[in-house]
Amino acid sequence: MEARSVKTKIFGTEYSLKAESGHENIIEAAAYVDKKMREISARVPDLPDIRVAVLTAVNLADELLRLRQKVPDDIAERAKALTKLLNSALMD
């Protein structure tokens, strides 16, 4: 599949991003990054753009790592509940 160029604006700068598929995801991701950068900039208005970008990257990486950790925990909890339910059903 051919890469498609998608134009988007992040923190006041326009970017042309290439996406092989799912360009909607690229647009949504760019909007999310823009939102997070604006939130940080609003909290610390005098922060240089590069520092806003780095803090945003660190915050997004932290968010990603927490979500990655949460998924296995959720799966383990569900498996435990299902095992308990199955054991209960088998004992009846």
PDB file of N, CA and C in Angstrom:
ATOM      1  N   MET A   1       0.841  -1.180   0.000  1.00  0.00           N
ATOM      2  CA  MET A   1       0.000   0.000   0.000  1.00  0.00           C
ATOM      3  C   MET A   1       0.886   1.243   0.000  1.00  0.00           C
ATOM      4  N   GLU A   2       0.493   2.222  -0.757  1.00  0.00           N
ATOM      5  CA  GLU A   2       1.274   3.442  -0.888  1.00  0.00           C
ATOM      6  C   GLU A   2       1.033   4.365   0.302  1.00  0.00           C
ATOM      7  N   ALA A   3       2.116   4.992   0.768  1.00  0.00           N
ATOM      8  CA  ALA A   3       2.004   5.928   1.886  1.00  0.00           C
ATOM      9  C   ALA A   3       1.248   7.172   1.430  1.00  0.00           C
ATOM     10  N   ARG A   4       0.393   7.646   2.302  1.00  0.00           N
ATOM     11  CA  ARG A   4      -0.409   8.826   2.009  1.00  0.00           C
ATOM     12  C   ARG A   4       0.059   9.958   2.906  1.00  0.00           C
ATOM     13  N   SER A   5       0.191  11.138   2.357  1.00  0.00           N
ATOM     14  CA  SER A   5       0.630  12.299   3.119  1.00  0.00           C
ATOM     15  C   SER A   5      -0.581  12.977   3.760  1.00  0.00           C
ATOM     16  N   VAL A   6      -0.458  13.263   5.044  1.00  0.00           N
ATOM     17  CA  VAL A   6      -1.540  13.894   5.799  1.00  0.00           C
ATOM     18  C   VAL A   6      -0.991  15.168   6.425  1.00  0.00           C
ATOM     19  N   LYS A   7      -1.681  16.280   6.206  1.00  0.00           N
ATOM     20  CA  LYS A   7      -1.252  17.540   6.812  1.00  0.00           C
ATOM     21  C   LYS A   7      -1.982  17.737   8.128  1.00  0.00           C
ATOM     22  N   THR A   8      -1.220  18.154   9.121  1.00  0.00           N
ATOM     23  CA  THR A   8      -1.797  18.403  10.433  1.00  0.00           C
ATOM     24  C   THR A   8      -1.010  19.503  11.118  1.00  0.00           C
ATOM     25  N   LYS A   9      -1.599  20.111  12.119  1.00  0.00           N
ATOM     26  CA  LYS A   9      -0.939  21.193  12.841  1.00  0.00           C
ATOM     27  C   LYS A   9      -0.780  20.781  14.295  1.00  0.00           C
ATOM     28  N   ILE A  10       0.451  20.901  14.788  1.00  0.00           N
ATOM     29  CA  ILE A  10       0.744  20.589  16.187  1.00  0.00           C
ATOM     30  C   ILE A  10       1.429  21.791  16.808  1.00  0.00           C
ATOM     31  N   PHE A  11       0.811  22.345  17.832  1.00  0.00           N
ATOM     32  CA  PHE A  11       1.365  23.467  18.587  1.00  0.00           C
ATOM     33  C   PHE A  11       1.760  24.628  17.671  1.00  0.00           C
ATOM     34  N   GLY A  12       0.884  24.890  16.687  1.00  0.00           N
ATOM     35  CA  GLY A  12       1.077  26.031  15.810  1.00  0.00           C
ATOM     36  C   GLY A  12       1.949  25.795  14.589  1.00  0.00           C
ATOM     37  N   THR A  13       2.516  24.617  14.457  1.00  0.00           N
ATOM     38  CA  THR A  13       3.366  24.304  13.310  1.00  0.00           C
ATOM     39  C   THR A  13       2.701  23.231  12.463  1.00  0.00           C
ATOM     40  N   GLU A  14       2.671  23.469  11.146  1.00  0.00           N
ATOM     41  CA  GLU A  14       2.062  22.486  10.251  1.00  0.00           C
ATOM     42  C   GLU A  14       3.080  21.412   9.890  1.00  0.00           C
ATOM     43  N   TYR A  15       2.622  20.171   9.919  1.00  0.00           N
ATOM     44  CA  TYR A  15       3.460  19.022   9.582  1.00  0.00           C
ATOM     45  C   TYR A  15       2.778  18.204   8.500  1.00  0.00           C
ATOM     46  N   SER A  16       3.587  17.634   7.633  1.00  0.00           N
ATOM     47  CA  SER A  16       3.097  16.701   6.632  1.00  0.00           C
ATOM     48  C   SER A  16       3.595  15.323   7.055  1.00  0.00           C
ATOM     49  N   LEU A  17       2.676  14.470   7.482  1.00  0.00           N
ATOM     50  CA  LEU A  17       3.031  13.153   7.998  1.00  0.00           C
ATOM     51  C   LEU A  17       2.589  12.086   7.009  1.00  0.00           C
ATOM     52  N   LYS A  18       3.395  11.061   6.867  1.00  0.00           N
ATOM     53  CA  LYS A  18       3.052   9.971   5.948  1.00  0.00           C
ATOM     54  C   LYS A  18       2.490   8.796   6.728  1.00  0.00           C
ATOM     55  N   ALA A  19       1.422   8.227   6.177  1.00  0.00           N
ATOM     56  CA  ALA A  19       0.779   7.074   6.805  1.00  0.00           C
ATOM     57  C   ALA A  19       0.441   6.068   5.720  1.00  0.00           C
ATOM     58  N   GLU A  20       0.850   4.819   5.926  1.00  0.00           N
ATOM     59  CA  GLU A  20       0.548   3.769   4.945  1.00  0.00           C
ATOM     60  C   GLU A  20      -0.929   3.406   4.987  1.00  0.00           C
ATOM     61  N   SER A  21      -1.485   3.376   6.176  1.00  0.00           N
ATOM     62  CA  SER A  21      -2.914   3.103   6.325  1.00  0.00           C
ATOM     63  C   SER A  21      -3.368   3.752   7.618  1.00  0.00           C
ATOM     64  N   GLY A  22      -4.643   3.903   7.755  1.00  0.00           N
ATOM     65  CA  GLY A  22      -5.180   4.468   8.987  1.00  0.00           C
ATOM     66  C   GLY A  22      -4.773   5.911   9.216  1.00  0.00           C
ATOM     67  N   HIS A  23      -4.870   6.733   8.166  1.00  0.00           N
ATOM     68  CA  HIS A  23      -4.478   8.132   8.336  1.00  0.00           C
ATOM     69  C   HIS A  23      -5.337   8.849   9.379  1.00  0.00           C
ATOM     70  N   GLU A  24      -6.525   8.317   9.651  1.00  0.00           N
ATOM     71  CA  GLU A  24      -7.364   8.901  10.700  1.00  0.00           C
ATOM     72  C   GLU A  24      -6.662   8.795  12.050  1.00  0.00           C
ATOM     73  N   ASN A  25      -5.946   7.692  12.258  1.00  0.00           N
ATOM     74  CA  ASN A  25      -5.206   7.521  13.509  1.00  0.00           C
ATOM     75  C   ASN A  25      -4.105   8.560  13.642  1.00  0.00           C
ATOM     76  N   ILE A  26      -3.431   8.872  12.540  1.00  0.00           N
ATOM     77  CA  ILE A  26      -2.366   9.877  12.556  1.00  0.00           C
ATOM     78  C   ILE A  26      -2.954  11.237  12.912  1.00  0.00           C
ATOM     79  N   ILE A  27      -4.086  11.564  12.319  1.00  0.00           N
ATOM     80  CA  ILE A  27      -4.740  12.846  12.595  1.00  0.00           C
ATOM     81  C   ILE A  27      -5.158  12.914  14.061  1.00  0.00           C
ATOM     82  N   GLU A  28      -5.732  11.836  14.567  1.00  0.00           N
ATOM     83  CA  GLU A  28      -6.154  11.793  15.970  1.00  0.00           C
ATOM     84  C   GLU A  28      -4.951  11.883  16.907  1.00  0.00           C
ATOM     85  N   ALA A  29      -3.873  11.186  16.580  1.00  0.00           N
ATOM     86  CA  ALA A  29      -2.666  11.222  17.409  1.00  0.00           C
ATOM     87  C   ALA A  29      -2.074  12.627  17.433  1.00  0.00           C
ATOM     88  N   ALA A  30      -2.020  13.270  16.279  1.00  0.00           N
ATOM     89  CA  ALA A  30      -1.482  14.629  16.204  1.00  0.00           C
ATOM     90  C   ALA A  30      -2.335  15.594  17.025  1.00  0.00           C
ATOM     91  N   ALA A  31      -3.642  15.452  16.960  1.00  0.00           N
ATOM     92  CA  ALA A  31      -4.542  16.307  17.744  1.00  0.00           C
ATOM     93  C   ALA A  31      -4.331  16.082  19.237  1.00  0.00           C
ATOM     94  N   TYR A  32      -4.091  14.836  19.625  1.00  0.00           N
ATOM     95  CA  TYR A  32      -3.858  14.510  21.037  1.00  0.00           C
ATOM     96  C   TYR A  32      -2.545  15.121  21.520  1.00  0.00           C
ATOM     97  N   VAL A  33      -1.497  15.010  20.707  1.00  0.00           N
ATOM     98  CA  VAL A  33      -0.204  15.609  21.057  1.00  0.00           C
ATOM     99  C   VAL A  33      -0.357  17.123  21.176  1.00  0.00           C
ATOM    100  N   ASP A  34      -1.056  17.740  20.231  1.00  0.00           N
ATOM    101  CA  ASP A  34      -1.294  19.180  20.271  1.00  0.00           C
ATOM    102  C   ASP A  34      -2.011  19.575  21.559  1.00  0.00           C
ATOM    103  N   LYS A  35      -3.041  18.832  21.912  1.00  0.00           N
ATOM    104  CA  LYS A  35      -3.807  19.110  23.136  1.00  0.00           C
ATOM    105  C   LYS A  35      -2.910  19.032  24.368  1.00  0.00           C
ATOM    106  N   LYS A  36      -2.099  17.978  24.453  1.00  0.00           N
ATOM    107  CA  LYS A  36      -1.225  17.793  25.613  1.00  0.00           C
ATOM    108  C   LYS A  36      -0.166  18.893  25.689  1.00  0.00           C
ATOM    109  N   MET A  37       0.372  19.300  24.532  1.00  0.00           N
ATOM    110  CA  MET A  37       1.358  20.382  24.524  1.00  0.00           C
ATOM    111  C   MET A  37       0.722  21.687  24.989  1.00  0.00           C
ATOM    112  N   ARG A  38      -0.492  21.947  24.556  1.00  0.00           N
ATOM    113  CA  ARG A  38      -1.182  23.176  24.962  1.00  0.00           C
ATOM    114  C   ARG A  38      -1.500  23.166  26.461  1.00  0.00           C
ATOM    115  N   GLU A  39      -1.829  22.005  26.995  1.00  0.00           N
ATOM    116  CA  GLU A  39      -2.083  21.900  28.436  1.00  0.00           C
ATOM    117  C   GLU A  39      -0.830  22.245  29.233  1.00  0.00           C
ATOM    118  N   ILE A  40       0.314  21.698  28.818  1.00  0.00           N
ATOM    119  CA  ILE A  40       1.571  21.980  29.521  1.00  0.00           C
ATOM    120  C   ILE A  40       1.941  23.448  29.369  1.00  0.00           C
ATOM    121  N   SER A  41       1.801  23.982  28.166  1.00  0.00           N
ATOM    122  CA  SER A  41       2.125  25.382  27.918  1.00  0.00           C
ATOM    123  C   SER A  41       1.234  26.319  28.735  1.00  0.00           C
ATOM    124  N   ALA A  42      -0.020  25.950  28.930  1.00  0.00           N
ATOM    125  CA  ALA A  42      -0.939  26.775  29.726  1.00  0.00           C
ATOM    126  C   ALA A  42      -0.530  26.788  31.199  1.00  0.00           C
ATOM    127  N   ARG A  43       0.002  25.655  31.675  1.00  0.00           N
ATOM    128  CA  ARG A  43       0.440  25.576  33.076  1.00  0.00           C
ATOM    129  C   ARG A  43       1.736  26.342  33.313  1.00  0.00           C
ATOM    130  N   VAL A  44       2.630  26.322  32.314  1.00  0.00           N
ATOM    131  CA  VAL A  44       3.926  27.002  32.429  1.00  0.00           C
ATOM    132  C   VAL A  44       4.120  27.829  31.151  1.00  0.00           C
ATOM    133  N   PRO A  45       3.522  29.027  31.103  1.00  0.00           N
ATOM    134  CA  PRO A  45       3.486  29.812  29.866  1.00  0.00           C
ATOM    135  C   PRO A  45       4.851  30.230  29.304  1.00  0.00           C
ATOM    136  N   ASP A  46       5.847  30.420  30.140  1.00  0.00           N
ATOM    137  CA  ASP A  46       7.145  30.907  29.659  1.00  0.00           C
ATOM    138  C   ASP A  46       8.087  29.797  29.215  1.00  0.00           C
ATOM    139  N   LEU A  47       7.624  28.573  29.217  1.00  0.00           N
ATOM    140  CA  LEU A  47       8.465  27.436  28.852  1.00  0.00           C
ATOM    141  C   LEU A  47       8.747  27.445  27.345  1.00  0.00           C
ATOM    142  N   PRO A  48      10.017  27.296  26.947  1.00  0.00           N
ATOM    143  CA  PRO A  48      10.329  27.235  25.512  1.00  0.00           C
ATOM    144  C   PRO A  48       9.636  26.037  24.848  1.00  0.00           C
ATOM    145  N   ASP A  49       9.332  26.187  23.572  1.00  0.00           N
ATOM    146  CA  ASP A  49       8.613  25.145  22.834  1.00  0.00           C
ATOM    147  C   ASP A  49       9.285  23.781  22.926  1.00  0.00           C
ATOM    148  N   ILE A  50      10.612  23.744  22.853  1.00  0.00           N
ATOM    149  CA  ILE A  50      11.312  22.463  22.890  1.00  0.00           C
ATOM    150  C   ILE A  50      11.106  21.769  24.235  1.00  0.00           C
ATOM    151  N   ARG A  51      11.064  22.546  25.304  1.00  0.00           N
ATOM    152  CA  ARG A  51      10.829  21.956  26.630  1.00  0.00           C
ATOM    153  C   ARG A  51       9.392  21.475  26.748  1.00  0.00           C
ATOM    154  N   VAL A  52       8.466  22.221  26.165  1.00  0.00           N
ATOM    155  CA  VAL A  52       7.065  21.779  26.136  1.00  0.00           C
ATOM    156  C   VAL A  52       6.982  20.444  25.399  1.00  0.00           C
ATOM    157  N   ALA A  53       7.692  20.336  24.279  1.00  0.00           N
ATOM    158  CA  ALA A  53       7.676  19.101  23.488  1.00  0.00           C
ATOM    159  C   ALA A  53       8.274  17.936  24.265  1.00  0.00           C
ATOM    160  N   VAL A  54       9.396  18.174  24.952  1.00  0.00           N
ATOM    161  CA  VAL A  54      10.043  17.098  25.713  1.00  0.00           C
ATOM    162  C   VAL A  54       9.162  16.665  26.880  1.00  0.00           C
ATOM    163  N   LEU A  55       8.603  17.615  27.613  1.00  0.00           N
ATOM    164  CA  LEU A  55       7.711  17.259  28.728  1.00  0.00           C
ATOM    165  C   LEU A  55       6.483  16.507  28.228  1.00  0.00           C
ATOM    166  N   THR A  56       5.961  16.916  27.094  1.00  0.00           N
ATOM    167  CA  THR A  56       4.823  16.211  26.506  1.00  0.00           C
ATOM    168  C   THR A  56       5.209  14.785  26.147  1.00  0.00           C
ATOM    169  N   ALA A  57       6.378  14.618  25.540  1.00  0.00           N
ATOM    170  CA  ALA A  57       6.842  13.274  25.167  1.00  0.00           C
ATOM    171  C   ALA A  57       6.992  12.390  26.396  1.00  0.00           C
ATOM    172  N   VAL A  58       7.558  12.930  27.468  1.00  0.00           N
ATOM    173  CA  VAL A  58       7.731  12.149  28.699  1.00  0.00           C
ATOM    174  C   VAL A  58       6.374  11.791  29.295  1.00  0.00           C
ATOM    175  N   ASN A  59       5.457  12.746  29.332  1.00  0.00           N
ATOM    176  CA  ASN A  59       4.117  12.470  29.867  1.00  0.00           C
ATOM    177  C   ASN A  59       3.384  11.420  29.039  1.00  0.00           C
ATOM    178  N   LEU A  60       3.496  11.498  27.717  1.00  0.00           N
ATOM    179  CA  LEU A  60       2.836  10.514  26.857  1.00  0.00           C
ATOM    180  C   LEU A  60       3.473   9.133  26.998  1.00  0.00           C
ATOM    181  N   ALA A  61       4.794   9.098  27.148  1.00  0.00           N
ATOM    182  CA  ALA A  61       5.471   7.811  27.361  1.00  0.00           C
ATOM    183  C   ALA A  61       5.031   7.197  28.686  1.00  0.00           C
ATOM    184  N   ASP A  62       4.911   8.025  29.719  1.00  0.00           N
ATOM    185  CA  ASP A  62       4.439   7.542  31.019  1.00  0.00           C
ATOM    186  C   ASP A  62       3.019   6.991  30.899  1.00  0.00           C
ATOM    187  N   GLU A  63       2.170   7.713  30.192  1.00  0.00           N
ATOM    188  CA  GLU A  63       0.786   7.269  29.973  1.00  0.00           C
ATOM    189  C   GLU A  63       0.761   5.922  29.240  1.00  0.00           C
ATOM    190  N   LEU A  64       1.579   5.786  28.213  1.00  0.00           N
ATOM    191  CA  LEU A  64       1.649   4.538  27.452  1.00  0.00           C
ATOM    192  C   LEU A  64       2.117   3.381  28.327  1.00  0.00           C
ATOM    193  N   LEU A  65       3.158   3.604  29.113  1.00  0.00           N
ATOM    194  CA  LEU A  65       3.684   2.545  29.974  1.00  0.00           C
ATOM    195  C   LEU A  65       2.658   2.111  31.019  1.00  0.00           C
ATOM    196  N   ARG A  66       1.928   3.079  31.575  1.00  0.00           N
ATOM    197  CA  ARG A  66       0.880   2.739  32.552  1.00  0.00           C
ATOM    198  C   ARG A  66      -0.220   1.895  31.904  1.00  0.00           C
ATOM    199  N   LEU A  67      -0.610   2.276  30.694  1.00  0.00           N
ATOM    200  CA  LEU A  67      -1.649   1.516  29.989  1.00  0.00           C
ATOM    201  C   LEU A  67      -1.172   0.116  29.637  1.00  0.00           C
ATOM    202  N   ARG A  68       0.086   0.002  29.217  1.00  0.00           N
ATOM    203  CA  ARG A  68       0.640  -1.323  28.902  1.00  0.00           C
ATOM    204  C   ARG A  68       0.659  -2.213  30.137  1.00  0.00           C
ATOM    205  N   GLN A  69       0.944  -1.633  31.277  1.00  0.00           N
ATOM    206  CA  GLN A  69       0.982  -2.406  32.524  1.00  0.00           C
ATOM    207  C   GLN A  69      -0.432  -2.773  32.962  1.00  0.00           C
ATOM    208  N   LYS A  70      -1.376  -1.874  32.727  1.00  0.00           N
ATOM    209  CA  LYS A  70      -2.754  -2.079  33.165  1.00  0.00           C
ATOM    210  C   LYS A  70      -3.423  -3.237  32.422  1.00  0.00           C
ATOM    211  N   VAL A  71      -3.137  -3.381  31.146  1.00  0.00           N
ATOM    212  CA  VAL A  71      -3.791  -4.421  30.342  1.00  0.00           C
ATOM    213  C   VAL A  71      -3.536  -5.815  30.909  1.00  0.00           C
ATOM    214  N   PRO A  72      -2.273  -6.219  31.165  1.00  0.00           N
ATOM    215  CA  PRO A  72      -2.066  -7.557  31.748  1.00  0.00           C
ATOM    216  C   PRO A  72      -2.720  -7.704  33.125  1.00  0.00           C
ATOM    217  N   ASP A  73      -2.704  -6.630  33.920  1.00  0.00           N
ATOM    218  CA  ASP A  73      -3.348  -6.687  35.232  1.00  0.00           C
ATOM    219  C   ASP A  73      -4.844  -6.931  35.088  1.00  0.00           C
ATOM    220  N   ASP A  74      -5.479  -6.235  34.139  1.00  0.00           N
ATOM    221  CA  ASP A  74      -6.914  -6.421  33.892  1.00  0.00           C
ATOM    222  C   ASP A  74      -7.208  -7.839  33.412  1.00  0.00           C
ATOM    223  N   ILE A  75      -6.362  -8.345  32.537  1.00  0.00           N
ATOM    224  CA  ILE A  75      -6.548  -9.710  32.023  1.00  0.00           C
ATOM    225  C   ILE A  75      -6.416 -10.721  33.154  1.00  0.00           C
ATOM    226  N   ALA A  76      -5.433 -10.535  34.019  1.00  0.00           N
ATOM    227  CA  ALA A  76      -5.231 -11.451  35.148  1.00  0.00           C
ATOM    228  C   ALA A  76      -6.441 -11.429  36.082  1.00  0.00           C
ATOM    229  N   GLU A  77      -6.976 -10.236  36.342  1.00  0.00           N
ATOM    230  CA  GLU A  77      -8.160 -10.124  37.206  1.00  0.00           C
ATOM    231  C   GLU A  77      -9.359 -10.842  36.588  1.00  0.00           C
ATOM    232  N   ARG A  78      -9.558 -10.655  35.296  1.00  0.00           N
ATOM    233  CA  ARG A  78     -10.683 -11.305  34.616  1.00  0.00           C
ATOM    234  C   ARG A  78     -10.516 -12.822  34.605  1.00  0.00           C
ATOM    235  N   ALA A  79      -9.302 -13.281  34.371  1.00  0.00           N
ATOM    236  CA  ALA A  79      -9.038 -14.727  34.370  1.00  0.00           C
ATOM    237  C   ALA A  79      -9.309 -15.314  35.746  1.00  0.00           C
ATOM    238  N   LYS A  80      -8.905 -14.606  36.774  1.00  0.00           N
ATOM    239  CA  LYS A  80      -9.128 -15.063  38.151  1.00  0.00           C
ATOM    240  C   LYS A  80     -10.629 -15.153  38.443  1.00  0.00           C
ATOM    241  N   ALA A  81     -11.374 -14.132  38.032  1.00  0.00           N
ATOM    242  CA  ALA A  81     -12.821 -14.123  38.256  1.00  0.00           C
ATOM    243  C   ALA A  81     -13.502 -15.247  37.482  1.00  0.00           C
ATOM    244  N   LEU A  82     -13.070 -15.477  36.239  1.00  0.00           N
ATOM    245  CA  LEU A  82     -13.654 -16.559  35.444  1.00  0.00           C
ATOM    246  C   LEU A  82     -13.326 -17.929  36.032  1.00  0.00           C
ATOM    247  N   THR A  83     -12.106 -18.100  36.516  1.00  0.00           N
ATOM    248  CA  THR A  83     -11.710 -19.361  37.144  1.00  0.00           C
ATOM    249  C   THR A  83     -12.563 -19.623  38.376  1.00  0.00           C
ATOM    250  N   LYS A  84     -12.774 -18.584  39.154  1.00  0.00           N
ATOM    251  CA  LYS A  84     -13.602 -18.705  40.359  1.00  0.00           C
ATOM    252  C   LYS A  84     -15.033 -19.085  39.976  1.00  0.00           C
ATOM    253  N   LEU A  85     -15.553 -18.449  38.937  1.00  0.00           N
ATOM    254  CA  LEU A  85     -16.908 -18.722  38.463  1.00  0.00           C
ATOM    255  C   LEU A  85     -17.023 -20.158  37.942  1.00  0.00           C
ATOM    256  N   LEU A  86     -16.030 -20.598  37.180  1.00  0.00           N
ATOM    257  CA  LEU A  86     -16.034 -21.971  36.659  1.00  0.00           C
ATOM    258  C   LEU A  86     -15.947 -22.992  37.788  1.00  0.00           C
ATOM    259  N   ASN A  87     -15.071 -22.750  38.739  1.00  0.00           N
ATOM    260  CA  ASN A  87     -14.943 -23.657  39.885  1.00  0.00           C
ATOM    261  C   ASN A  87     -16.250 -23.747  40.662  1.00  0.00           C
ATOM    262  N   SER A  88     -16.891 -22.606  40.827  1.00  0.00           N
ATOM    263  CA  SER A  88     -18.167 -22.572  41.537  1.00  0.00           C
ATOM    264  C   SER A  88     -19.230 -23.355  40.767  1.00  0.00           C
ATOM    265  N   ALA A  89     -19.262 -23.190  39.447  1.00  0.00           N
ATOM    266  CA  ALA A  89     -20.245 -23.890  38.617  1.00  0.00           C
ATOM    267  C   ALA A  89     -19.992 -25.395  38.612  1.00  0.00           C
ATOM    268  N   LEU A  90     -18.728 -25.794  38.620  1.00  0.00           N
ATOM    269  CA  LEU A  90     -18.387 -27.217  38.606  1.00  0.00           C
ATOM    270  C   LEU A  90     -18.705 -27.892  39.936  1.00  0.00           C
ATOM    271  N   MET A  91     -18.685 -27.150  41.017  1.00  0.00           N
ATOM    272  CA  MET A  91     -18.969 -27.716  42.339  1.00  0.00           C
ATOM    273  C   MET A  91     -20.457 -27.916  42.560  1.00  0.00           C
ATOM    274  N   ASP A  92     -21.278 -27.202  41.818  1.00  0.00           N
ATOM    275  CA  ASP A  92     -22.742 -27.318  41.989  1.00  0.00           C
ATOM    276  C   ASP A  92     -23.288 -28.575  41.393  1.00  0.00           C
TER     277      ASP A  92
END
